[in-house]
Amino acid sequence: WNSAEYWRYVTITSPCYYVSYSVSAISVLQIYQMANEQSFDAACDSYLKLFTYTDDYDVLTTEEVLVYSGLRSFTDSMMFMELSEFLTEDIG
């Protein structure tokens, strides 16, 4: 197998694996934005809540965990636009 064949096979047979990475990356970018626009403590609190939600709730959907953590859902199209603007300003 060459590299292109391998990646084509992996993305077709395991698409949820890569969707999971995308959702995680979006959350990380929101936490980065929170640290810059609100405070480092707020970002740390949000990050901690992502991993301790089971201490307070037995079962939550992915979107409920994000909201509980102070983050926005990956289904919120405005969030993508705001992240894009933030990252463009931060880099520029």
Protein backbone atom coordinates (compact mmCIF):
# COMPACT_ATOMS: atom_id res chain seq x y z
CA TRP A 1 0.00 0.00 0.00
CA ASN A 2 1.21 3.47 -0.71
CA SER A 3 0.43 6.38 1.58
CA ALA A 4 -2.50 7.71 -0.44
CA GLU A 5 -4.15 4.28 -0.58
CA TYR A 6 -3.70 3.82 3.16
CA TRP A 7 -5.29 7.17 4.08
CA ARG A 8 -8.13 6.67 1.63
CA TYR A 9 -8.83 3.27 3.23
CA VAL A 10 -8.60 4.60 6.80
CA THR A 11 -10.89 7.59 6.26
CA ILE A 12 -13.50 5.47 4.50
CA THR A 13 -13.48 2.62 7.02
CA SER A 14 -13.20 4.78 10.17
CA PRO A 15 -14.77 8.19 9.52
CA CYS A 16 -16.01 8.62 13.10
CA TYR A 17 -12.45 8.42 14.32
CA TYR A 18 -11.61 11.58 12.39
CA VAL A 19 -14.88 13.32 13.22
CA SER A 20 -13.98 12.77 16.88
CA TYR A 21 -10.64 14.52 16.34
CA SER A 22 -12.42 17.42 14.66
CA VAL A 23 -14.87 17.86 17.52
CA SER A 24 -11.99 17.78 20.00
CA ALA A 25 -10.03 20.35 18.01
CA ILE A 26 -13.01 22.70 17.92
CA SER A 27 -13.33 22.46 21.71
CA VAL A 28 -9.63 23.13 22.17
CA LEU A 29 -9.86 26.23 19.97
CA GLN A 30 -12.77 27.49 22.07
CA ILE A 31 -10.77 26.99 25.26
CA TYR A 32 -7.86 28.86 23.68
CA GLN A 33 -10.21 31.70 22.78
CA MET A 34 -11.65 31.68 26.31
CA ALA A 35 -8.16 31.96 27.82
CA ASN A 36 -7.42 34.96 25.62
CA GLU A 37 -10.73 36.79 25.84
CA GLN A 38 -11.93 35.89 29.35
CA SER A 39 -9.28 34.47 31.63
CA PHE A 40 -6.86 31.62 32.03
CA ASP A 41 -8.86 30.45 35.07
CA ALA A 42 -12.09 30.31 33.06
CA ALA A 43 -10.32 28.24 30.40
CA CYS A 44 -8.90 25.87 33.03
CA ASP A 45 -12.34 25.47 34.61
CA SER A 46 -13.87 24.65 31.24
CA TYR A 47 -11.12 22.13 30.46
CA LEU A 48 -11.54 20.47 33.86
CA LYS A 49 -15.31 20.19 33.40
CA LEU A 50 -14.79 18.33 30.13
CA PHE A 51 -13.14 15.52 32.06
CA THR A 52 -15.08 15.54 35.30
CA TYR A 53 -18.67 15.84 34.08
CA THR A 54 -19.29 12.22 35.07
CA ASP A 55 -18.68 13.23 38.69
CA ASP A 56 -21.81 15.41 38.55
CA TYR A 57 -23.92 13.67 35.89
CA ASP A 58 -24.28 10.03 34.94
CA VAL A 59 -25.12 10.36 31.27
CA LEU A 60 -24.85 13.40 29.03
CA THR A 61 -24.78 13.77 25.29
CA THR A 62 -21.70 15.29 23.67
CA GLU A 63 -23.52 18.58 23.24
CA GLU A 64 -24.64 18.60 26.88
CA VAL A 65 -21.05 18.04 28.02
CA LEU A 66 -19.91 20.98 25.90
CA VAL A 67 -22.60 23.25 27.33
CA TYR A 68 -21.82 22.04 30.87
CA SER A 69 -18.19 22.95 30.20
CA GLY A 70 -19.05 26.44 29.03
CA LEU A 71 -18.38 25.63 25.38
CA ARG A 72 -20.58 25.86 22.33
CA SER A 73 -21.84 22.97 20.28
CA PHE A 74 -20.08 21.95 17.10
CA THR A 75 -23.49 22.34 15.43
CA ASP A 76 -23.44 26.11 16.07
CA SER A 77 -22.42 27.67 12.76
CA MET A 78 -21.88 31.10 14.36
CA MET A 79 -19.26 29.56 16.63
CA PHE A 80 -17.18 28.63 13.58
CA MET A 81 -17.38 32.13 12.20
CA GLU A 82 -16.41 33.66 15.55
CA LEU A 83 -13.51 31.24 15.95
CA SER A 84 -12.34 32.08 12.46
CA GLU A 85 -12.42 35.79 13.21
CA PHE A 86 -10.64 35.29 16.54
CA LEU A 87 -7.90 33.14 15.04
CA THR A 88 -7.41 35.54 12.13
CA GLU A 89 -7.01 38.46 14.54
CA ASP A 90 -4.79 36.46 16.92
CA ILE A 91 -2.43 35.39 14.14
CA GLY A 92 -2.45 38.71 12.30
